[in-house]
Amino acid sequence: MPIFSNASHYEKLKPGLAQRDGHKHLVAFKLSGFNFFFDKDTNQVIEEVMSGMQYDGYEILDTNIASLNYYKCLMTITYQ
């Protein structure tokens, strides 16, 4: 299940990213329709966001997914 409409997931998230300045930063976004087993759609969203960030020169330092409830989770990406 896409969490954004029309534009790519990364393009919607991109304006909220900090400029590459050598400091560590964190971006967080909610994923809905989360399935506790492998979920192709959720994986696709995460992959698109992380690939876009790396393509734009950001270094991914850490990732985390925290369950908010049965159908929603919070994805955090620490980057530089």
PDB file of N, CA and C in Angstrom:
ATOM      1  N   MET A   1       0.822  -1.182   0.000  1.00  0.00           N
ATOM      2  CA  MET A   1       0.000   0.000   0.000  1.00  0.00           C
ATOM      3  C   MET A   1       0.869   1.249   0.000  1.00  0.00           C
ATOM      4  N   PRO A   2       0.793   2.066  -1.030  1.00  0.00           N
ATOM      5  CA  PRO A   2       1.585   3.281  -1.039  1.00  0.00           C
ATOM      6  C   PRO A   2       1.162   4.229   0.078  1.00  0.00           C
ATOM      7  N   ILE A   3       2.147   4.900   0.673  1.00  0.00           N
ATOM      8  CA  ILE A   3       1.810   5.838   1.736  1.00  0.00           C
ATOM      9  C   ILE A   3       1.683   7.248   1.207  1.00  0.00           C
ATOM     10  N   PHE A   4       2.105   7.507  -0.006  1.00  0.00           N
ATOM     11  CA  PHE A   4       1.976   8.806  -0.639  1.00  0.00           C
ATOM     12  C   PHE A   4       1.240   8.593  -1.949  1.00  0.00           C
ATOM     13  N   SER A   5       0.692   9.661  -2.520  1.00  0.00           N
ATOM     14  CA  SER A   5       0.000   9.500  -3.789  1.00  0.00           C
ATOM     15  C   SER A   5       0.755  10.190  -4.918  1.00  0.00           C
ATOM     16  N   ASN A   6       0.542   9.724  -6.125  1.00  0.00           N
ATOM     17  CA  ASN A   6       1.100  10.253  -7.368  1.00  0.00           C
ATOM     18  C   ASN A   6       2.627  10.306  -7.403  1.00  0.00           C
ATOM     19  N   ALA A   7       3.243  11.314  -6.810  1.00  0.00           N
ATOM     20  CA  ALA A   7       4.704  11.446  -6.853  1.00  0.00           C
ATOM     21  C   ALA A   7       5.340  10.267  -6.120  1.00  0.00           C
ATOM     22  N   SER A   8       6.597  10.021  -6.446  1.00  0.00           N
ATOM     23  CA  SER A   8       7.281   8.911  -5.804  1.00  0.00           C
ATOM     24  C   SER A   8       7.394   9.163  -4.308  1.00  0.00           C
ATOM     25  N   HIS A   9       7.560   8.097  -3.568  1.00  0.00           N
ATOM     26  CA  HIS A   9       7.677   8.195  -2.110  1.00  0.00           C
ATOM     27  C   HIS A   9       8.848   9.093  -1.725  1.00  0.00           C
ATOM     28  N   TYR A  10       9.956   8.888  -2.371  1.00  0.00           N
ATOM     29  CA  TYR A  10      11.146   9.665  -2.050  1.00  0.00           C
ATOM     30  C   TYR A  10      10.970  11.141  -2.405  1.00  0.00           C
ATOM     31  N   GLU A  11      10.364  11.430  -3.550  1.00  0.00           N
ATOM     32  CA  GLU A  11      10.168  12.822  -3.966  1.00  0.00           C
ATOM     33  C   GLU A  11       9.303  13.580  -2.969  1.00  0.00           C
ATOM     34  N   LYS A  12       8.342  12.915  -2.351  1.00  0.00           N
ATOM     35  CA  LYS A  12       7.497  13.555  -1.333  1.00  0.00           C
ATOM     36  C   LYS A  12       8.285  13.802  -0.050  1.00  0.00           C
ATOM     37  N   LEU A  13       9.207  12.922   0.272  1.00  0.00           N
ATOM     38  CA  LEU A  13       9.995  13.004   1.502  1.00  0.00           C
ATOM     39  C   LEU A  13      11.184  13.958   1.367  1.00  0.00           C
ATOM     40  N   LYS A  14      11.713  14.057   0.171  1.00  0.00           N
ATOM     41  CA  LYS A  14      12.953  14.790  -0.110  1.00  0.00           C
ATOM     42  C   LYS A  14      12.993  16.232   0.420  1.00  0.00           C
ATOM     43  N   PRO A  15      11.927  17.027   0.293  1.00  0.00           N
ATOM     44  CA  PRO A  15      11.995  18.405   0.791  1.00  0.00           C
ATOM     45  C   PRO A  15      12.243  18.506   2.306  1.00  0.00           C
ATOM     46  N   GLY A  16      11.947  17.476   3.047  1.00  0.00           N
ATOM     47  CA  GLY A  16      12.153  17.484   4.486  1.00  0.00           C
ATOM     48  C   GLY A  16      13.545  17.065   4.927  1.00  0.00           C
ATOM     49  N   LEU A  17      14.388  16.650   3.985  1.00  0.00           N
ATOM     50  CA  LEU A  17      15.740  16.220   4.337  1.00  0.00           C
ATOM     51  C   LEU A  17      16.655  17.418   4.558  1.00  0.00           C
ATOM     52  N   ALA A  18      17.555  17.297   5.513  1.00  0.00           N
ATOM     53  CA  ALA A  18      18.546  18.338   5.780  1.00  0.00           C
ATOM     54  C   ALA A  18      19.591  18.338   4.670  1.00  0.00           C
ATOM     55  N   GLN A  19      20.204  19.472   4.448  1.00  0.00           N
ATOM     56  CA  GLN A  19      21.290  19.568   3.473  1.00  0.00           C
ATOM     57  C   GLN A  19      22.455  18.704   3.925  1.00  0.00           C
ATOM     58  N   ARG A  20      23.214  18.194   2.987  1.00  0.00           N
ATOM     59  CA  ARG A  20      24.398  17.405   3.326  1.00  0.00           C
ATOM     60  C   ARG A  20      25.449  18.349   3.899  1.00  0.00           C
ATOM     61  N   ASP A  21      25.667  18.255   5.203  1.00  0.00           N
ATOM     62  CA  ASP A  21      26.580  19.164   5.888  1.00  0.00           C
ATOM     63  C   ASP A  21      27.577  18.434   6.781  1.00  0.00           C
ATOM     64  N   GLY A  22      27.624  17.092   6.702  1.00  0.00           N
ATOM     65  CA  GLY A  22      28.549  16.315   7.515  1.00  0.00           C
ATOM     66  C   GLY A  22      27.995  15.962   8.887  1.00  0.00           C
ATOM     67  N   HIS A  23      26.851  16.539   9.267  1.00  0.00           N
ATOM     68  CA  HIS A  23      26.238  16.234  10.556  1.00  0.00           C
ATOM     69  C   HIS A  23      25.248  15.079  10.404  1.00  0.00           C
ATOM     70  N   LYS A  24      24.931  14.414  11.508  1.00  0.00           N
ATOM     71  CA  LYS A  24      23.938  13.346  11.496  1.00  0.00           C
ATOM     72  C   LYS A  24      22.540  13.959  11.587  1.00  0.00           C
ATOM     73  N   HIS A  25      21.611  13.376  10.832  1.00  0.00           N
ATOM     74  CA  HIS A  25      20.226  13.839  10.825  1.00  0.00           C
ATOM     75  C   HIS A  25      19.305  12.626  10.870  1.00  0.00           C
ATOM     76  N   LEU A  26      18.044  12.881  11.168  1.00  0.00           N
ATOM     77  CA  LEU A  26      17.050  11.814  11.271  1.00  0.00           C
ATOM     78  C   LEU A  26      15.814  12.210  10.485  1.00  0.00           C
ATOM     79  N   VAL A  27      15.288  11.285   9.722  1.00  0.00           N
ATOM     80  CA  VAL A  27      14.007  11.485   9.063  1.00  0.00           C
ATOM     81  C   VAL A  27      13.097  10.351   9.528  1.00  0.00           C
ATOM     82  N   ALA A  28      11.848  10.679   9.806  1.00  0.00           N
ATOM     83  CA  ALA A  28      10.887   9.676  10.260  1.00  0.00           C
ATOM     84  C   ALA A  28       9.606   9.808   9.440  1.00  0.00           C
ATOM     85  N   PHE A  29       8.990   8.672   9.123  1.00  0.00           N
ATOM     86  CA  PHE A  29       7.719   8.694   8.406  1.00  0.00           C
ATOM     87  C   PHE A  29       6.912   7.469   8.813  1.00  0.00           C
ATOM     88  N   LYS A  30       5.595   7.611   8.723  1.00  0.00           N
ATOM     89  CA  LYS A  30       4.694   6.524   9.094  1.00  0.00           C
ATOM     90  C   LYS A  30       4.399   5.653   7.882  1.00  0.00           C
ATOM     91  N   LEU A  31       4.320   4.389   8.131  1.00  0.00           N
ATOM     92  CA  LEU A  31       3.897   3.417   7.123  1.00  0.00           C
ATOM     93  C   LEU A  31       2.585   2.828   7.617  1.00  0.00           C
ATOM     94  N   SER A  32       1.583   2.810   6.773  1.00  0.00           N
ATOM     95  CA  SER A  32       0.314   2.205   7.179  1.00  0.00           C
ATOM     96  C   SER A  32       0.068   0.941   6.384  1.00  0.00           C
ATOM     97  N   GLY A  33      -0.823   0.116   6.874  1.00  0.00           N
ATOM     98  CA  GLY A  33      -1.083  -1.156   6.236  1.00  0.00           C
ATOM     99  C   GLY A  33       0.055  -2.122   6.468  1.00  0.00           C
ATOM    100  N   PHE A  34       0.848  -1.849   7.486  1.00  0.00           N
ATOM    101  CA  PHE A  34       2.028  -2.665   7.801  1.00  0.00           C
ATOM    102  C   PHE A  34       1.622  -4.086   8.139  1.00  0.00           C
ATOM    103  N   ASN A  35       2.347  -5.026   7.600  1.00  0.00           N
ATOM    104  CA  ASN A  35       2.101  -6.435   7.842  1.00  0.00           C
ATOM    105  C   ASN A  35       3.318  -6.990   8.577  1.00  0.00           C
ATOM    106  N   PHE A  36       3.119  -7.721   9.653  1.00  0.00           N
ATOM    107  CA  PHE A  36       4.235  -8.209  10.450  1.00  0.00           C
ATOM    108  C   PHE A  36       5.017  -9.328   9.762  1.00  0.00           C
ATOM    109  N   PHE A  37       4.527  -9.822   8.661  1.00  0.00           N
ATOM    110  CA  PHE A  37       5.270 -10.759   7.831  1.00  0.00           C
ATOM    111  C   PHE A  37       5.831  -9.955   6.665  1.00  0.00           C
ATOM    112  N   PHE A  38       6.576 -10.574   5.807  1.00  0.00           N
ATOM    113  CA  PHE A  38       7.128  -9.849   4.662  1.00  0.00           C
ATOM    114  C   PHE A  38       6.004  -9.212   3.873  1.00  0.00           C
ATOM    115  N   ASP A  39       6.124  -7.934   3.630  1.00  0.00           N
ATOM    116  CA  ASP A  39       5.112  -7.182   2.899  1.00  0.00           C
ATOM    117  C   ASP A  39       5.794  -6.481   1.724  1.00  0.00           C
ATOM    118  N   LYS A  40       5.528  -6.943   0.532  1.00  0.00           N
ATOM    119  CA  LYS A  40       6.171  -6.433  -0.679  1.00  0.00           C
ATOM    120  C   LYS A  40       5.987  -4.923  -0.832  1.00  0.00           C
ATOM    121  N   ASP A  41       4.795  -4.419  -0.583  1.00  0.00           N
ATOM    122  CA  ASP A  41       4.531  -2.994  -0.754  1.00  0.00           C
ATOM    123  C   ASP A  41       5.314  -2.146   0.243  1.00  0.00           C
ATOM    124  N   THR A  42       5.333  -2.566   1.505  1.00  0.00           N
ATOM    125  CA  THR A  42       6.079  -1.829   2.532  1.00  0.00           C
ATOM    126  C   THR A  42       7.564  -1.857   2.206  1.00  0.00           C
ATOM    127  N   ASN A  43       8.062  -2.996   1.812  1.00  0.00           N
ATOM    128  CA  ASN A  43       9.475  -3.129   1.448  1.00  0.00           C
ATOM    129  C   ASN A  43       9.813  -2.218   0.273  1.00  0.00           C
ATOM    130  N   GLN A  44       8.913  -2.103  -0.682  1.00  0.00           N
ATOM    131  CA  GLN A  44       9.126  -1.268  -1.856  1.00  0.00           C
ATOM    132  C   GLN A  44       9.251   0.207  -1.461  1.00  0.00           C
ATOM    133  N   VAL A  45       8.415   0.662  -0.535  1.00  0.00           N
ATOM    134  CA  VAL A  45       8.461   2.046  -0.063  1.00  0.00           C
ATOM    135  C   VAL A  45       9.809   2.321   0.594  1.00  0.00           C
ATOM    136  N   ILE A  46      10.213   1.442   1.509  1.00  0.00           N
ATOM    137  CA  ILE A  46      11.480   1.621   2.220  1.00  0.00           C
ATOM    138  C   ILE A  46      12.647   1.603   1.243  1.00  0.00           C
ATOM    139  N   GLU A  47      12.646   0.673   0.322  1.00  0.00           N
ATOM    140  CA  GLU A  47      13.718   0.560  -0.671  1.00  0.00           C
ATOM    141  C   GLU A  47      13.796   1.811  -1.544  1.00  0.00           C
ATOM    142  N   GLU A  48      12.658   2.314  -1.975  1.00  0.00           N
ATOM    143  CA  GLU A  48      12.643   3.508  -2.815  1.00  0.00           C
ATOM    144  C   GLU A  48      13.216   4.716  -2.075  1.00  0.00           C
ATOM    145  N   VAL A  49      12.813   4.907  -0.827  1.00  0.00           N
ATOM    146  CA  VAL A  49      13.295   6.037  -0.038  1.00  0.00           C
ATOM    147  C   VAL A  49      14.800   5.926   0.196  1.00  0.00           C
ATOM    148  N   MET A  50      15.251   4.765   0.634  1.00  0.00           N
ATOM    149  CA  MET A  50      16.678   4.597   0.921  1.00  0.00           C
ATOM    150  C   MET A  50      17.527   4.694  -0.349  1.00  0.00           C
ATOM    151  N   SER A  51      17.073   4.135  -1.440  1.00  0.00           N
ATOM    152  CA  SER A  51      17.811   4.217  -2.702  1.00  0.00           C
ATOM    153  C   SER A  51      17.900   5.663  -3.181  1.00  0.00           C
ATOM    154  N   GLY A  52      16.798   6.394  -3.076  1.00  0.00           N
ATOM    155  CA  GLY A  52      16.787   7.798  -3.480  1.00  0.00           C
ATOM    156  C   GLY A  52      17.762   8.626  -2.660  1.00  0.00           C
ATOM    157  N   MET A  53      17.774   8.384  -1.359  1.00  0.00           N
ATOM    158  CA  MET A  53      18.689   9.116  -0.486  1.00  0.00           C
ATOM    159  C   MET A  53      20.140   8.840  -0.867  1.00  0.00           C
ATOM    160  N   GLN A  54      20.457   7.573  -1.091  1.00  0.00           N
ATOM    161  CA  GLN A  54      21.826   7.211  -1.444  1.00  0.00           C
ATOM    162  C   GLN A  54      22.212   7.767  -2.816  1.00  0.00           C
ATOM    163  N   TYR A  55      21.292   7.731  -3.743  1.00  0.00           N
ATOM    164  CA  TYR A  55      21.544   8.275  -5.078  1.00  0.00           C
ATOM    165  C   TYR A  55      21.868   9.764  -4.997  1.00  0.00           C
ATOM    166  N   ASP A  56      21.218  10.477  -4.067  1.00  0.00           N
ATOM    167  CA  ASP A  56      21.446  11.910  -3.878  1.00  0.00           C
ATOM    168  C   ASP A  56      22.657  12.210  -2.999  1.00  0.00           C
ATOM    169  N   GLY A  57      23.400  11.175  -2.603  1.00  0.00           N
ATOM    170  CA  GLY A  57      24.648  11.378  -1.893  1.00  0.00           C
ATOM    171  C   GLY A  57      24.578  11.291  -0.382  1.00  0.00           C
ATOM    172  N   TYR A  58      23.403  10.946   0.170  1.00  0.00           N
ATOM    173  CA  TYR A  58      23.298  10.790   1.616  1.00  0.00           C
ATOM    174  C   TYR A  58      23.846   9.432   2.024  1.00  0.00           C
ATOM    175  N   GLU A  59      24.484   9.394   3.177  1.00  0.00           N
ATOM    176  CA  GLU A  59      24.977   8.132   3.727  1.00  0.00           C
ATOM    177  C   GLU A  59      23.990   7.667   4.794  1.00  0.00           C
ATOM    178  N   ILE A  60      23.436   6.472   4.620  1.00  0.00           N
ATOM    179  CA  ILE A  60      22.512   5.890   5.599  1.00  0.00           C
ATOM    180  C   ILE A  60      23.349   5.318   6.742  1.00  0.00           C
ATOM    181  N   LEU A  61      23.106   5.789   7.951  1.00  0.00           N
ATOM    182  CA  LEU A  61      23.864   5.328   9.110  1.00  0.00           C
ATOM    183  C   LEU A  61      23.116   4.266   9.901  1.00  0.00           C
ATOM    184  N   ASP A  62      21.779   4.384   9.973  1.00  0.00           N
ATOM    185  CA  ASP A  62      20.986   3.439  10.759  1.00  0.00           C
ATOM    186  C   ASP A  62      19.532   3.534  10.325  1.00  0.00           C
ATOM    187  N   THR A  63      18.812   2.440  10.493  1.00  0.00           N
ATOM    188  CA  THR A  63      17.375   2.420  10.233  1.00  0.00           C
ATOM    189  C   THR A  63      16.671   1.730  11.390  1.00  0.00           C
ATOM    190  N   ASN A  64      15.407   2.070  11.570  1.00  0.00           N
ATOM    191  CA  ASN A  64      14.632   1.444  12.627  1.00  0.00           C
ATOM    192  C   ASN A  64      13.153   1.488  12.245  1.00  0.00           C
ATOM    193  N   ILE A  65      12.447   0.427  12.566  1.00  0.00           N
ATOM    194  CA  ILE A  65      11.005   0.395  12.387  1.00  0.00           C
ATOM    195  C   ILE A  65      10.395   0.092  13.753  1.00  0.00           C
ATOM    196  N   ALA A  66       9.516   0.978  14.211  1.00  0.00           N
ATOM    197  CA  ALA A  66       8.839   0.788  15.491  1.00  0.00           C
ATOM    198  C   ALA A  66       7.339   0.663  15.240  1.00  0.00           C
ATOM    199  N   SER A  67       6.745  -0.337  15.817  1.00  0.00           N
ATOM    200  CA  SER A  67       5.317  -0.564  15.671  1.00  0.00           C
ATOM    201  C   SER A  67       4.534   0.454  16.498  1.00  0.00           C
ATOM    202  N   LEU A  68       3.584   1.133  15.860  1.00  0.00           N
ATOM    203  CA  LEU A  68       2.694   2.049  16.567  1.00  0.00           C
ATOM    204  C   LEU A  68       1.430   1.323  17.000  1.00  0.00           C
ATOM    205  N   ASN A  69       0.968   0.463  16.142  1.00  0.00           N
ATOM    206  CA  ASN A  69      -0.151  -0.435  16.436  1.00  0.00           C
ATOM    207  C   ASN A  69      -0.111  -1.538  15.376  1.00  0.00           C
ATOM    208  N   TYR A  70      -1.142  -2.340  15.314  1.00  0.00           N
ATOM    209  CA  TYR A  70      -1.124  -3.491  14.419  1.00  0.00           C
ATOM    210  C   TYR A  70      -0.975  -3.110  12.942  1.00  0.00           C
ATOM    211  N   TYR A  71      -1.483  -1.932  12.551  1.00  0.00           N
ATOM    212  CA  TYR A  71      -1.473  -1.553  11.136  1.00  0.00           C
ATOM    213  C   TYR A  71      -0.549  -0.403  10.780  1.00  0.00           C
ATOM    214  N   LYS A  72       0.113   0.183  11.765  1.00  0.00           N
ATOM    215  CA  LYS A  72       0.988   1.315  11.484  1.00  0.00           C
ATOM    216  C   LYS A  72       2.335   1.149  12.173  1.00  0.00           C
ATOM    217  N   CYS A  73       3.352   1.660  11.501  1.00  0.00           N
ATOM    218  CA  CYS A  73       4.675   1.660  12.107  1.00  0.00           C
ATOM    219  C   CYS A  73       5.369   2.965  11.751  1.00  0.00           C
ATOM    220  N   LEU A  74       6.420   3.256  12.495  1.00  0.00           N
ATOM    221  CA  LEU A  74       7.204   4.455  12.270  1.00  0.00           C
ATOM    222  C   LEU A  74       8.587   4.037  11.795  1.00  0.00           C
ATOM    223  N   MET A  75       8.959   4.481  10.627  1.00  0.00           N
ATOM    224  CA  MET A  75      10.262   4.187  10.045  1.00  0.00           C
ATOM    225  C   MET A  75      11.169   5.373  10.295  1.00  0.00           C
ATOM    226  N   THR A  76      12.337   5.149  10.870  1.00  0.00           N
ATOM    227  CA  THR A  76      13.307   6.212  11.055  1.00  0.00           C
ATOM    228  C   THR A  76      14.591   5.844  10.325  1.00  0.00           C
ATOM    229  N   ILE A  77      15.184   6.841   9.701  1.00  0.00           N
ATOM    230  CA  ILE A  77      16.446   6.668   9.001  1.00  0.00           C
ATOM    231  C   ILE A  77      17.402   7.737   9.517  1.00  0.00           C
ATOM    232  N   THR A  78      18.514   7.315  10.075  1.00  0.00           N
ATOM    233  CA  THR A  78      19.560   8.230  10.481  1.00  0.00           C
ATOM    234  C   THR A  78      20.528   8.341   9.308  1.00  0.00           C
ATOM    235  N   TYR A  79      20.848   9.552   8.932  1.00  0.00           N
ATOM    236  CA  TYR A  79      21.671   9.757   7.745  1.00  0.00           C
ATOM    237  C   TYR A  79      22.655  10.910   7.938  1.00  0.00           C
ATOM    238  N   GLN A  80      23.593  10.977   7.020  1.00  0.00           N
ATOM    239  CA  GLN A  80      24.605  12.032   7.055  1.00  0.00           C
ATOM    240  C   GLN A  80      24.791  12.559   5.639  1.00  0.00           C
TER     241      GLN A  80
END
